[in-house]
């Protein structure tokens, strides 16, 4: 899923805001 979020930005030109607990 982490790789997928990076792909969202690069391929869909998206800006992303996440709430997340996993520090990795």
PDBML (XML) file of the C-alpha atoms, coordinates in Angstrom:
<?xml version="1.0" encoding="UTF-8" ?>
<PDBx:datablock datablockName="MODEL"
   xmlns:PDBx="http://pdbml.pdb.org/schema/pdbx-v50.xsd"
   xmlns:xsi="http://www.w3.org/2001/XMLSchema-instance"
   xsi:schemaLocation="http://pdbml.pdb.org/schema/pdbx-v50.xsd pdbx-v50.xsd">
   <PDBx:atom_siteCategory>
      <PDBx:atom_site id="1">
         <PDBx:B_iso_or_equiv>0.00</PDBx:B_iso_or_equiv>
         <PDBx:Cartn_x>0.000</PDBx:Cartn_x>
         <PDBx:Cartn_y>0.000</PDBx:Cartn_y>
         <PDBx:Cartn_z>0.000</PDBx:Cartn_z>
         <PDBx:auth_asym_id>A</PDBx:auth_asym_id>
         <PDBx:auth_atom_id>CA</PDBx:auth_atom_id>
         <PDBx:auth_comp_id>UNK</PDBx:auth_comp_id>
         <PDBx:auth_seq_id>1</PDBx:auth_seq_id>
         <PDBx:group_PDB>ATOM</PDBx:group_PDB>
         <PDBx:label_alt_id xsi:nil="true" />
         <PDBx:label_asym_id>A</PDBx:label_asym_id>
         <PDBx:label_atom_id>CA</PDBx:label_atom_id>
         <PDBx:label_comp_id>UNK</PDBx:label_comp_id>
         <PDBx:label_entity_id>1</PDBx:label_entity_id>
         <PDBx:label_seq_id>1</PDBx:label_seq_id>
         <PDBx:occupancy>1.00</PDBx:occupancy>
         <PDBx:pdbx_PDB_model_num>1</PDBx:pdbx_PDB_model_num>
         <PDBx:type_symbol>C</PDBx:type_symbol>
      </PDBx:atom_site>
      <PDBx:atom_site id="2">
         <PDBx:B_iso_or_equiv>0.00</PDBx:B_iso_or_equiv>
         <PDBx:Cartn_x>2.919</PDBx:Cartn_x>
         <PDBx:Cartn_y>2.354</PDBx:Cartn_y>
         <PDBx:Cartn_z>0.688</PDBx:Cartn_z>
         <PDBx:auth_asym_id>A</PDBx:auth_asym_id>
         <PDBx:auth_atom_id>CA</PDBx:auth_atom_id>
         <PDBx:auth_comp_id>UNK</PDBx:auth_comp_id>
         <PDBx:auth_seq_id>2</PDBx:auth_seq_id>
         <PDBx:group_PDB>ATOM</PDBx:group_PDB>
         <PDBx:label_alt_id xsi:nil="true" />
         <PDBx:label_asym_id>A</PDBx:label_asym_id>
         <PDBx:label_atom_id>CA</PDBx:label_atom_id>
         <PDBx:label_comp_id>UNK</PDBx:label_comp_id>
         <PDBx:label_entity_id>1</PDBx:label_entity_id>
         <PDBx:label_seq_id>2</PDBx:label_seq_id>
         <PDBx:occupancy>1.00</PDBx:occupancy>
         <PDBx:pdbx_PDB_model_num>1</PDBx:pdbx_PDB_model_num>
         <PDBx:type_symbol>C</PDBx:type_symbol>
      </PDBx:atom_site>
      <PDBx:atom_site id="3">
         <PDBx:B_iso_or_equiv>0.00</PDBx:B_iso_or_equiv>
         <PDBx:Cartn_x>4.188</PDBx:Cartn_x>
         <PDBx:Cartn_y>1.779</PDBx:Cartn_y>
         <PDBx:Cartn_z>-2.857</PDBx:Cartn_z>
         <PDBx:auth_asym_id>A</PDBx:auth_asym_id>
         <PDBx:auth_atom_id>CA</PDBx:auth_atom_id>
         <PDBx:auth_comp_id>UNK</PDBx:auth_comp_id>
         <PDBx:auth_seq_id>3</PDBx:auth_seq_id>
         <PDBx:group_PDB>ATOM</PDBx:group_PDB>
         <PDBx:label_alt_id xsi:nil="true" />
         <PDBx:label_asym_id>A</PDBx:label_asym_id>
         <PDBx:label_atom_id>CA</PDBx:label_atom_id>
         <PDBx:label_comp_id>UNK</PDBx:label_comp_id>
         <PDBx:label_entity_id>1</PDBx:label_entity_id>
         <PDBx:label_seq_id>3</PDBx:label_seq_id>
         <PDBx:occupancy>1.00</PDBx:occupancy>
         <PDBx:pdbx_PDB_model_num>1</PDBx:pdbx_PDB_model_num>
         <PDBx:type_symbol>C</PDBx:type_symbol>
      </PDBx:atom_site>
      <PDBx:atom_site id="4">
         <PDBx:B_iso_or_equiv>0.00</PDBx:B_iso_or_equiv>
         <PDBx:Cartn_x>0.654</PDBx:Cartn_x>
         <PDBx:Cartn_y>2.330</PDBx:Cartn_y>
         <PDBx:Cartn_z>-4.118</PDBx:Cartn_z>
         <PDBx:auth_asym_id>A</PDBx:auth_asym_id>
         <PDBx:auth_atom_id>CA</PDBx:auth_atom_id>
         <PDBx:auth_comp_id>UNK</PDBx:auth_comp_id>
         <PDBx:auth_seq_id>4</PDBx:auth_seq_id>
         <PDBx:group_PDB>ATOM</PDBx:group_PDB>
         <PDBx:label_alt_id xsi:nil="true" />
         <PDBx:label_asym_id>A</PDBx:label_asym_id>
         <PDBx:label_atom_id>CA</PDBx:label_atom_id>
         <PDBx:label_comp_id>UNK</PDBx:label_comp_id>
         <PDBx:label_entity_id>1</PDBx:label_entity_id>
         <PDBx:label_seq_id>4</PDBx:label_seq_id>
         <PDBx:occupancy>1.00</PDBx:occupancy>
         <PDBx:pdbx_PDB_model_num>1</PDBx:pdbx_PDB_model_num>
         <PDBx:type_symbol>C</PDBx:type_symbol>
      </PDBx:atom_site>
      <PDBx:atom_site id="5">
         <PDBx:B_iso_or_equiv>0.00</PDBx:B_iso_or_equiv>
         <PDBx:Cartn_x>0.401</PDBx:Cartn_x>
         <PDBx:Cartn_y>5.753</PDBx:Cartn_y>
         <PDBx:Cartn_z>-2.428</PDBx:Cartn_z>
         <PDBx:auth_asym_id>A</PDBx:auth_asym_id>
         <PDBx:auth_atom_id>CA</PDBx:auth_atom_id>
         <PDBx:auth_comp_id>UNK</PDBx:auth_comp_id>
         <PDBx:auth_seq_id>5</PDBx:auth_seq_id>
         <PDBx:group_PDB>ATOM</PDBx:group_PDB>
         <PDBx:label_alt_id xsi:nil="true" />
         <PDBx:label_asym_id>A</PDBx:label_asym_id>
         <PDBx:label_atom_id>CA</PDBx:label_atom_id>
         <PDBx:label_comp_id>UNK</PDBx:label_comp_id>
         <PDBx:label_entity_id>1</PDBx:label_entity_id>
         <PDBx:label_seq_id>5</PDBx:label_seq_id>
         <PDBx:occupancy>1.00</PDBx:occupancy>
         <PDBx:pdbx_PDB_model_num>1</PDBx:pdbx_PDB_model_num>
         <PDBx:type_symbol>C</PDBx:type_symbol>
      </PDBx:atom_site>
      <PDBx:atom_site id="6">
         <PDBx:B_iso_or_equiv>0.00</PDBx:B_iso_or_equiv>
         <PDBx:Cartn_x>3.648</PDBx:Cartn_x>
         <PDBx:Cartn_y>6.806</PDBx:Cartn_y>
         <PDBx:Cartn_z>-4.097</PDBx:Cartn_z>
         <PDBx:auth_asym_id>A</PDBx:auth_asym_id>
         <PDBx:auth_atom_id>CA</PDBx:auth_atom_id>
         <PDBx:auth_comp_id>UNK</PDBx:auth_comp_id>
         <PDBx:auth_seq_id>6</PDBx:auth_seq_id>
         <PDBx:group_PDB>ATOM</PDBx:group_PDB>
         <PDBx:label_alt_id xsi:nil="true" />
         <PDBx:label_asym_id>A</PDBx:label_asym_id>
         <PDBx:label_atom_id>CA</PDBx:label_atom_id>
         <PDBx:label_comp_id>UNK</PDBx:label_comp_id>
         <PDBx:label_entity_id>1</PDBx:label_entity_id>
         <PDBx:label_seq_id>6</PDBx:label_seq_id>
         <PDBx:occupancy>1.00</PDBx:occupancy>
         <PDBx:pdbx_PDB_model_num>1</PDBx:pdbx_PDB_model_num>
         <PDBx:type_symbol>C</PDBx:type_symbol>
      </PDBx:atom_site>
      <PDBx:atom_site id="7">
         <PDBx:B_iso_or_equiv>0.00</PDBx:B_iso_or_equiv>
         <PDBx:Cartn_x>2.201</PDBx:Cartn_x>
         <PDBx:Cartn_y>5.657</PDBx:Cartn_y>
         <PDBx:Cartn_z>-7.425</PDBx:Cartn_z>
         <PDBx:auth_asym_id>A</PDBx:auth_asym_id>
         <PDBx:auth_atom_id>CA</PDBx:auth_atom_id>
         <PDBx:auth_comp_id>UNK</PDBx:auth_comp_id>
         <PDBx:auth_seq_id>7</PDBx:auth_seq_id>
         <PDBx:group_PDB>ATOM</PDBx:group_PDB>
         <PDBx:label_alt_id xsi:nil="true" />
         <PDBx:label_asym_id>A</PDBx:label_asym_id>
         <PDBx:label_atom_id>CA</PDBx:label_atom_id>
         <PDBx:label_comp_id>UNK</PDBx:label_comp_id>
         <PDBx:label_entity_id>1</PDBx:label_entity_id>
         <PDBx:label_seq_id>7</PDBx:label_seq_id>
         <PDBx:occupancy>1.00</PDBx:occupancy>
         <PDBx:pdbx_PDB_model_num>1</PDBx:pdbx_PDB_model_num>
         <PDBx:type_symbol>C</PDBx:type_symbol>
      </PDBx:atom_site>
      <PDBx:atom_site id="8">
         <PDBx:B_iso_or_equiv>0.00</PDBx:B_iso_or_equiv>
         <PDBx:Cartn_x>-0.914</PDBx:Cartn_x>
         <PDBx:Cartn_y>7.773</PDBx:Cartn_y>
         <PDBx:Cartn_z>-6.824</PDBx:Cartn_z>
         <PDBx:auth_asym_id>A</PDBx:auth_asym_id>
         <PDBx:auth_atom_id>CA</PDBx:auth_atom_id>
         <PDBx:auth_comp_id>UNK</PDBx:auth_comp_id>
         <PDBx:auth_seq_id>8</PDBx:auth_seq_id>
         <PDBx:group_PDB>ATOM</PDBx:group_PDB>
         <PDBx:label_alt_id xsi:nil="true" />
         <PDBx:label_asym_id>A</PDBx:label_asym_id>
         <PDBx:label_atom_id>CA</PDBx:label_atom_id>
         <PDBx:label_comp_id>UNK</PDBx:label_comp_id>
         <PDBx:label_entity_id>1</PDBx:label_entity_id>
         <PDBx:label_seq_id>8</PDBx:label_seq_id>
         <PDBx:occupancy>1.00</PDBx:occupancy>
         <PDBx:pdbx_PDB_model_num>1</PDBx:pdbx_PDB_model_num>
         <PDBx:type_symbol>C</PDBx:type_symbol>
      </PDBx:atom_site>
      <PDBx:atom_site id="9">
         <PDBx:B_iso_or_equiv>0.00</PDBx:B_iso_or_equiv>
         <PDBx:Cartn_x>1.224</PDBx:Cartn_x>
         <PDBx:Cartn_y>10.892</PDBx:Cartn_y>
         <PDBx:Cartn_z>-6.726</PDBx:Cartn_z>
         <PDBx:auth_asym_id>A</PDBx:auth_asym_id>
         <PDBx:auth_atom_id>CA</PDBx:auth_atom_id>
         <PDBx:auth_comp_id>UNK</PDBx:auth_comp_id>
         <PDBx:auth_seq_id>9</PDBx:auth_seq_id>
         <PDBx:group_PDB>ATOM</PDBx:group_PDB>
         <PDBx:label_alt_id xsi:nil="true" />
         <PDBx:label_asym_id>A</PDBx:label_asym_id>
         <PDBx:label_atom_id>CA</PDBx:label_atom_id>
         <PDBx:label_comp_id>UNK</PDBx:label_comp_id>
         <PDBx:label_entity_id>1</PDBx:label_entity_id>
         <PDBx:label_seq_id>9</PDBx:label_seq_id>
         <PDBx:occupancy>1.00</PDBx:occupancy>
         <PDBx:pdbx_PDB_model_num>1</PDBx:pdbx_PDB_model_num>
         <PDBx:type_symbol>C</PDBx:type_symbol>
      </PDBx:atom_site>
      <PDBx:atom_site id="10">
         <PDBx:B_iso_or_equiv>0.00</PDBx:B_iso_or_equiv>
         <PDBx:Cartn_x>3.457</PDBx:Cartn_x>
         <PDBx:Cartn_y>10.020</PDBx:Cartn_y>
         <PDBx:Cartn_z>-9.655</PDBx:Cartn_z>
         <PDBx:auth_asym_id>A</PDBx:auth_asym_id>
         <PDBx:auth_atom_id>CA</PDBx:auth_atom_id>
         <PDBx:auth_comp_id>UNK</PDBx:auth_comp_id>
         <PDBx:auth_seq_id>10</PDBx:auth_seq_id>
         <PDBx:group_PDB>ATOM</PDBx:group_PDB>
         <PDBx:label_alt_id xsi:nil="true" />
         <PDBx:label_asym_id>A</PDBx:label_asym_id>
         <PDBx:label_atom_id>CA</PDBx:label_atom_id>
         <PDBx:label_comp_id>UNK</PDBx:label_comp_id>
         <PDBx:label_entity_id>1</PDBx:label_entity_id>
         <PDBx:label_seq_id>10</PDBx:label_seq_id>
         <PDBx:occupancy>1.00</PDBx:occupancy>
         <PDBx:pdbx_PDB_model_num>1</PDBx:pdbx_PDB_model_num>
         <PDBx:type_symbol>C</PDBx:type_symbol>
      </PDBx:atom_site>
      <PDBx:atom_site id="11">
         <PDBx:B_iso_or_equiv>0.00</PDBx:B_iso_or_equiv>
         <PDBx:Cartn_x>0.823</PDBx:Cartn_x>
         <PDBx:Cartn_y>8.619</PDBx:Cartn_y>
         <PDBx:Cartn_z>-12.032</PDBx:Cartn_z>
         <PDBx:auth_asym_id>A</PDBx:auth_asym_id>
         <PDBx:auth_atom_id>CA</PDBx:auth_atom_id>
         <PDBx:auth_comp_id>UNK</PDBx:auth_comp_id>
         <PDBx:auth_seq_id>11</PDBx:auth_seq_id>
         <PDBx:group_PDB>ATOM</PDBx:group_PDB>
         <PDBx:label_alt_id xsi:nil="true" />
         <PDBx:label_asym_id>A</PDBx:label_asym_id>
         <PDBx:label_atom_id>CA</PDBx:label_atom_id>
         <PDBx:label_comp_id>UNK</PDBx:label_comp_id>
         <PDBx:label_entity_id>1</PDBx:label_entity_id>
         <PDBx:label_seq_id>11</PDBx:label_seq_id>
         <PDBx:occupancy>1.00</PDBx:occupancy>
         <PDBx:pdbx_PDB_model_num>1</PDBx:pdbx_PDB_model_num>
         <PDBx:type_symbol>C</PDBx:type_symbol>
      </PDBx:atom_site>
      <PDBx:atom_site id="12">
         <PDBx:B_iso_or_equiv>0.00</PDBx:B_iso_or_equiv>
         <PDBx:Cartn_x>-2.318</PDBx:Cartn_x>
         <PDBx:Cartn_y>10.533</PDBx:Cartn_y>
         <PDBx:Cartn_z>-11.032</PDBx:Cartn_z>
         <PDBx:auth_asym_id>A</PDBx:auth_asym_id>
         <PDBx:auth_atom_id>CA</PDBx:auth_atom_id>
         <PDBx:auth_comp_id>UNK</PDBx:auth_comp_id>
         <PDBx:auth_seq_id>12</PDBx:auth_seq_id>
         <PDBx:group_PDB>ATOM</PDBx:group_PDB>
         <PDBx:label_alt_id xsi:nil="true" />
         <PDBx:label_asym_id>A</PDBx:label_asym_id>
         <PDBx:label_atom_id>CA</PDBx:label_atom_id>
         <PDBx:label_comp_id>UNK</PDBx:label_comp_id>
         <PDBx:label_entity_id>1</PDBx:label_entity_id>
         <PDBx:label_seq_id>12</PDBx:label_seq_id>
         <PDBx:occupancy>1.00</PDBx:occupancy>
         <PDBx:pdbx_PDB_model_num>1</PDBx:pdbx_PDB_model_num>
         <PDBx:type_symbol>C</PDBx:type_symbol>
      </PDBx:atom_site>
      <PDBx:atom_site id="13">
         <PDBx:B_iso_or_equiv>0.00</PDBx:B_iso_or_equiv>
         <PDBx:Cartn_x>-0.634</PDBx:Cartn_x>
         <PDBx:Cartn_y>13.846</PDBx:Cartn_y>
         <PDBx:Cartn_z>-10.136</PDBx:Cartn_z>
         <PDBx:auth_asym_id>A</PDBx:auth_asym_id>
         <PDBx:auth_atom_id>CA</PDBx:auth_atom_id>
         <PDBx:auth_comp_id>UNK</PDBx:auth_comp_id>
         <PDBx:auth_seq_id>13</PDBx:auth_seq_id>
         <PDBx:group_PDB>ATOM</PDBx:group_PDB>
         <PDBx:label_alt_id xsi:nil="true" />
         <PDBx:label_asym_id>A</PDBx:label_asym_id>
         <PDBx:label_atom_id>CA</PDBx:label_atom_id>
         <PDBx:label_comp_id>UNK</PDBx:label_comp_id>
         <PDBx:label_entity_id>1</PDBx:label_entity_id>
         <PDBx:label_seq_id>13</PDBx:label_seq_id>
         <PDBx:occupancy>1.00</PDBx:occupancy>
         <PDBx:pdbx_PDB_model_num>1</PDBx:pdbx_PDB_model_num>
         <PDBx:type_symbol>C</PDBx:type_symbol>
      </PDBx:atom_site>
      <PDBx:atom_site id="14">
         <PDBx:B_iso_or_equiv>0.00</PDBx:B_iso_or_equiv>
         <PDBx:Cartn_x>-2.324</PDBx:Cartn_x>
         <PDBx:Cartn_y>13.718</PDBx:Cartn_y>
         <PDBx:Cartn_z>-6.740</PDBx:Cartn_z>
         <PDBx:auth_asym_id>A</PDBx:auth_asym_id>
         <PDBx:auth_atom_id>CA</PDBx:auth_atom_id>
         <PDBx:auth_comp_id>UNK</PDBx:auth_comp_id>
         <PDBx:auth_seq_id>14</PDBx:auth_seq_id>
         <PDBx:group_PDB>ATOM</PDBx:group_PDB>
         <PDBx:label_alt_id xsi:nil="true" />
         <PDBx:label_asym_id>A</PDBx:label_asym_id>
         <PDBx:label_atom_id>CA</PDBx:label_atom_id>
         <PDBx:label_comp_id>UNK</PDBx:label_comp_id>
         <PDBx:label_entity_id>1</PDBx:label_entity_id>
         <PDBx:label_seq_id>14</PDBx:label_seq_id>
         <PDBx:occupancy>1.00</PDBx:occupancy>
         <PDBx:pdbx_PDB_model_num>1</PDBx:pdbx_PDB_model_num>
         <PDBx:type_symbol>C</PDBx:type_symbol>
      </PDBx:atom_site>
      <PDBx:atom_site id="15">
         <PDBx:B_iso_or_equiv>0.00</PDBx:B_iso_or_equiv>
         <PDBx:Cartn_x>-1.583</PDBx:Cartn_x>
         <PDBx:Cartn_y>15.551</PDBx:Cartn_y>
         <PDBx:Cartn_z>-3.515</PDBx:Cartn_z>
         <PDBx:auth_asym_id>A</PDBx:auth_asym_id>
         <PDBx:auth_atom_id>CA</PDBx:auth_atom_id>
         <PDBx:auth_comp_id>UNK</PDBx:auth_comp_id>
         <PDBx:auth_seq_id>15</PDBx:auth_seq_id>
         <PDBx:group_PDB>ATOM</PDBx:group_PDB>
         <PDBx:label_alt_id xsi:nil="true" />
         <PDBx:label_asym_id>A</PDBx:label_asym_id>
         <PDBx:label_atom_id>CA</PDBx:label_atom_id>
         <PDBx:label_comp_id>UNK</PDBx:label_comp_id>
         <PDBx:label_entity_id>1</PDBx:label_entity_id>
         <PDBx:label_seq_id>15</PDBx:label_seq_id>
         <PDBx:occupancy>1.00</PDBx:occupancy>
         <PDBx:pdbx_PDB_model_num>1</PDBx:pdbx_PDB_model_num>
         <PDBx:type_symbol>C</PDBx:type_symbol>
      </PDBx:atom_site>
      <PDBx:atom_site id="16">
         <PDBx:B_iso_or_equiv>0.00</PDBx:B_iso_or_equiv>
         <PDBx:Cartn_x>-2.008</PDBx:Cartn_x>
         <PDBx:Cartn_y>13.264</PDBx:Cartn_y>
         <PDBx:Cartn_z>-0.498</PDBx:Cartn_z>
         <PDBx:auth_asym_id>A</PDBx:auth_asym_id>
         <PDBx:auth_atom_id>CA</PDBx:auth_atom_id>
         <PDBx:auth_comp_id>UNK</PDBx:auth_comp_id>
         <PDBx:auth_seq_id>16</PDBx:auth_seq_id>
         <PDBx:group_PDB>ATOM</PDBx:group_PDB>
         <PDBx:label_alt_id xsi:nil="true" />
         <PDBx:label_asym_id>A</PDBx:label_asym_id>
         <PDBx:label_atom_id>CA</PDBx:label_atom_id>
         <PDBx:label_comp_id>UNK</PDBx:label_comp_id>
         <PDBx:label_entity_id>1</PDBx:label_entity_id>
         <PDBx:label_seq_id>16</PDBx:label_seq_id>
         <PDBx:occupancy>1.00</PDBx:occupancy>
         <PDBx:pdbx_PDB_model_num>1</PDBx:pdbx_PDB_model_num>
         <PDBx:type_symbol>C</PDBx:type_symbol>
      </PDBx:atom_site>
      <PDBx:atom_site id="17">
         <PDBx:B_iso_or_equiv>0.00</PDBx:B_iso_or_equiv>
         <PDBx:Cartn_x>-2.745</PDBx:Cartn_x>
         <PDBx:Cartn_y>13.875</PDBx:Cartn_y>
         <PDBx:Cartn_z>3.187</PDBx:Cartn_z>
         <PDBx:auth_asym_id>A</PDBx:auth_asym_id>
         <PDBx:auth_atom_id>CA</PDBx:auth_atom_id>
         <PDBx:auth_comp_id>UNK</PDBx:auth_comp_id>
         <PDBx:auth_seq_id>17</PDBx:auth_seq_id>
         <PDBx:group_PDB>ATOM</PDBx:group_PDB>
         <PDBx:label_alt_id xsi:nil="true" />
         <PDBx:label_asym_id>A</PDBx:label_asym_id>
         <PDBx:label_atom_id>CA</PDBx:label_atom_id>
         <PDBx:label_comp_id>UNK</PDBx:label_comp_id>
         <PDBx:label_entity_id>1</PDBx:label_entity_id>
         <PDBx:label_seq_id>17</PDBx:label_seq_id>
         <PDBx:occupancy>1.00</PDBx:occupancy>
         <PDBx:pdbx_PDB_model_num>1</PDBx:pdbx_PDB_model_num>
         <PDBx:type_symbol>C</PDBx:type_symbol>
      </PDBx:atom_site>
      <PDBx:atom_site id="18">
         <PDBx:B_iso_or_equiv>0.00</PDBx:B_iso_or_equiv>
         <PDBx:Cartn_x>-2.572</PDBx:Cartn_x>
         <PDBx:Cartn_y>10.843</PDBx:Cartn_y>
         <PDBx:Cartn_z>5.479</PDBx:Cartn_z>
         <PDBx:auth_asym_id>A</PDBx:auth_asym_id>
         <PDBx:auth_atom_id>CA</PDBx:auth_atom_id>
         <PDBx:auth_comp_id>UNK</PDBx:auth_comp_id>
         <PDBx:auth_seq_id>18</PDBx:auth_seq_id>
         <PDBx:group_PDB>ATOM</PDBx:group_PDB>
         <PDBx:label_alt_id xsi:nil="true" />
         <PDBx:label_asym_id>A</PDBx:label_asym_id>
         <PDBx:label_atom_id>CA</PDBx:label_atom_id>
         <PDBx:label_comp_id>UNK</PDBx:label_comp_id>
         <PDBx:label_entity_id>1</PDBx:label_entity_id>
         <PDBx:label_seq_id>18</PDBx:label_seq_id>
         <PDBx:occupancy>1.00</PDBx:occupancy>
         <PDBx:pdbx_PDB_model_num>1</PDBx:pdbx_PDB_model_num>
         <PDBx:type_symbol>C</PDBx:type_symbol>
      </PDBx:atom_site>
      <PDBx:atom_site id="19">
         <PDBx:B_iso_or_equiv>0.00</PDBx:B_iso_or_equiv>
         <PDBx:Cartn_x>-3.389</PDBx:Cartn_x>
         <PDBx:Cartn_y>10.079</PDBx:Cartn_y>
         <PDBx:Cartn_z>9.074</PDBx:Cartn_z>
         <PDBx:auth_asym_id>A</PDBx:auth_asym_id>
         <PDBx:auth_atom_id>CA</PDBx:auth_atom_id>
         <PDBx:auth_comp_id>UNK</PDBx:auth_comp_id>
         <PDBx:auth_seq_id>19</PDBx:auth_seq_id>
         <PDBx:group_PDB>ATOM</PDBx:group_PDB>
         <PDBx:label_alt_id xsi:nil="true" />
         <PDBx:label_asym_id>A</PDBx:label_asym_id>
         <PDBx:label_atom_id>CA</PDBx:label_atom_id>
         <PDBx:label_comp_id>UNK</PDBx:label_comp_id>
         <PDBx:label_entity_id>1</PDBx:label_entity_id>
         <PDBx:label_seq_id>19</PDBx:label_seq_id>
         <PDBx:occupancy>1.00</PDBx:occupancy>
         <PDBx:pdbx_PDB_model_num>1</PDBx:pdbx_PDB_model_num>
         <PDBx:type_symbol>C</PDBx:type_symbol>
      </PDBx:atom_site>
      <PDBx:atom_site id="20">
         <PDBx:B_iso_or_equiv>0.00</PDBx:B_iso_or_equiv>
         <PDBx:Cartn_x>-1.084</PDBx:Cartn_x>
         <PDBx:Cartn_y>7.208</PDBx:Cartn_y>
         <PDBx:Cartn_z>9.896</PDBx:Cartn_z>
         <PDBx:auth_asym_id>A</PDBx:auth_asym_id>
         <PDBx:auth_atom_id>CA</PDBx:auth_atom_id>
         <PDBx:auth_comp_id>UNK</PDBx:auth_comp_id>
         <PDBx:auth_seq_id>20</PDBx:auth_seq_id>
         <PDBx:group_PDB>ATOM</PDBx:group_PDB>
         <PDBx:label_alt_id xsi:nil="true" />
         <PDBx:label_asym_id>A</PDBx:label_asym_id>
         <PDBx:label_atom_id>CA</PDBx:label_atom_id>
         <PDBx:label_comp_id>UNK</PDBx:label_comp_id>
         <PDBx:label_entity_id>1</PDBx:label_entity_id>
         <PDBx:label_seq_id>20</PDBx:label_seq_id>
         <PDBx:occupancy>1.00</PDBx:occupancy>
         <PDBx:pdbx_PDB_model_num>1</PDBx:pdbx_PDB_model_num>
         <PDBx:type_symbol>C</PDBx:type_symbol>
      </PDBx:atom_site>
      <PDBx:atom_site id="21">
         <PDBx:B_iso_or_equiv>0.00</PDBx:B_iso_or_equiv>
         <PDBx:Cartn_x>0.331</PDBx:Cartn_x>
         <PDBx:Cartn_y>5.413</PDBx:Cartn_y>
         <PDBx:Cartn_z>12.952</PDBx:Cartn_z>
         <PDBx:auth_asym_id>A</PDBx:auth_asym_id>
         <PDBx:auth_atom_id>CA</PDBx:auth_atom_id>
         <PDBx:auth_comp_id>UNK</PDBx:auth_comp_id>
         <PDBx:auth_seq_id>21</PDBx:auth_seq_id>
         <PDBx:group_PDB>ATOM</PDBx:group_PDB>
         <PDBx:label_alt_id xsi:nil="true" />
         <PDBx:label_asym_id>A</PDBx:label_asym_id>
         <PDBx:label_atom_id>CA</PDBx:label_atom_id>
         <PDBx:label_comp_id>UNK</PDBx:label_comp_id>
         <PDBx:label_entity_id>1</PDBx:label_entity_id>
         <PDBx:label_seq_id>21</PDBx:label_seq_id>
         <PDBx:occupancy>1.00</PDBx:occupancy>
         <PDBx:pdbx_PDB_model_num>1</PDBx:pdbx_PDB_model_num>
         <PDBx:type_symbol>C</PDBx:type_symbol>
      </PDBx:atom_site>
      <PDBx:atom_site id="22">
         <PDBx:B_iso_or_equiv>0.00</PDBx:B_iso_or_equiv>
         <PDBx:Cartn_x>2.919</PDBx:Cartn_x>
         <PDBx:Cartn_y>3.219</PDBx:Cartn_y>
         <PDBx:Cartn_z>11.246</PDBx:Cartn_z>
         <PDBx:auth_asym_id>A</PDBx:auth_asym_id>
         <PDBx:auth_atom_id>CA</PDBx:auth_atom_id>
         <PDBx:auth_comp_id>UNK</PDBx:auth_comp_id>
         <PDBx:auth_seq_id>22</PDBx:auth_seq_id>
         <PDBx:group_PDB>ATOM</PDBx:group_PDB>
         <PDBx:label_alt_id xsi:nil="true" />
         <PDBx:label_asym_id>A</PDBx:label_asym_id>
         <PDBx:label_atom_id>CA</PDBx:label_atom_id>
         <PDBx:label_comp_id>UNK</PDBx:label_comp_id>
         <PDBx:label_entity_id>1</PDBx:label_entity_id>
         <PDBx:label_seq_id>22</PDBx:label_seq_id>
         <PDBx:occupancy>1.00</PDBx:occupancy>
         <PDBx:pdbx_PDB_model_num>1</PDBx:pdbx_PDB_model_num>
         <PDBx:type_symbol>C</PDBx:type_symbol>
      </PDBx:atom_site>
      <PDBx:atom_site id="23">
         <PDBx:B_iso_or_equiv>0.00</PDBx:B_iso_or_equiv>
         <PDBx:Cartn_x>6.184</PDBx:Cartn_x>
         <PDBx:Cartn_y>5.157</PDBx:Cartn_y>
         <PDBx:Cartn_z>11.512</PDBx:Cartn_z>
         <PDBx:auth_asym_id>A</PDBx:auth_asym_id>
         <PDBx:auth_atom_id>CA</PDBx:auth_atom_id>
         <PDBx:auth_comp_id>UNK</PDBx:auth_comp_id>
         <PDBx:auth_seq_id>23</PDBx:auth_seq_id>
         <PDBx:group_PDB>ATOM</PDBx:group_PDB>
         <PDBx:label_alt_id xsi:nil="true" />
         <PDBx:label_asym_id>A</PDBx:label_asym_id>
         <PDBx:label_atom_id>CA</PDBx:label_atom_id>
         <PDBx:label_comp_id>UNK</PDBx:label_comp_id>
         <PDBx:label_entity_id>1</PDBx:label_entity_id>
         <PDBx:label_seq_id>23</PDBx:label_seq_id>
         <PDBx:occupancy>1.00</PDBx:occupancy>
         <PDBx:pdbx_PDB_model_num>1</PDBx:pdbx_PDB_model_num>
         <PDBx:type_symbol>C</PDBx:type_symbol>
      </PDBx:atom_site>
      <PDBx:atom_site id="24">
         <PDBx:B_iso_or_equiv>0.00</PDBx:B_iso_or_equiv>
         <PDBx:Cartn_x>7.834</PDBx:Cartn_x>
         <PDBx:Cartn_y>3.061</PDBx:Cartn_y>
         <PDBx:Cartn_z>8.784</PDBx:Cartn_z>
         <PDBx:auth_asym_id>A</PDBx:auth_asym_id>
         <PDBx:auth_atom_id>CA</PDBx:auth_atom_id>
         <PDBx:auth_comp_id>UNK</PDBx:auth_comp_id>
         <PDBx:auth_seq_id>24</PDBx:auth_seq_id>
         <PDBx:group_PDB>ATOM</PDBx:group_PDB>
         <PDBx:label_alt_id xsi:nil="true" />
         <PDBx:label_asym_id>A</PDBx:label_asym_id>
         <PDBx:label_atom_id>CA</PDBx:label_atom_id>
         <PDBx:label_comp_id>UNK</PDBx:label_comp_id>
         <PDBx:label_entity_id>1</PDBx:label_entity_id>
         <PDBx:label_seq_id>24</PDBx:label_seq_id>
         <PDBx:occupancy>1.00</PDBx:occupancy>
         <PDBx:pdbx_PDB_model_num>1</PDBx:pdbx_PDB_model_num>
         <PDBx:type_symbol>C</PDBx:type_symbol>
      </PDBx:atom_site>
   </PDBx:atom_siteCategory>
</PDBx:datablock>
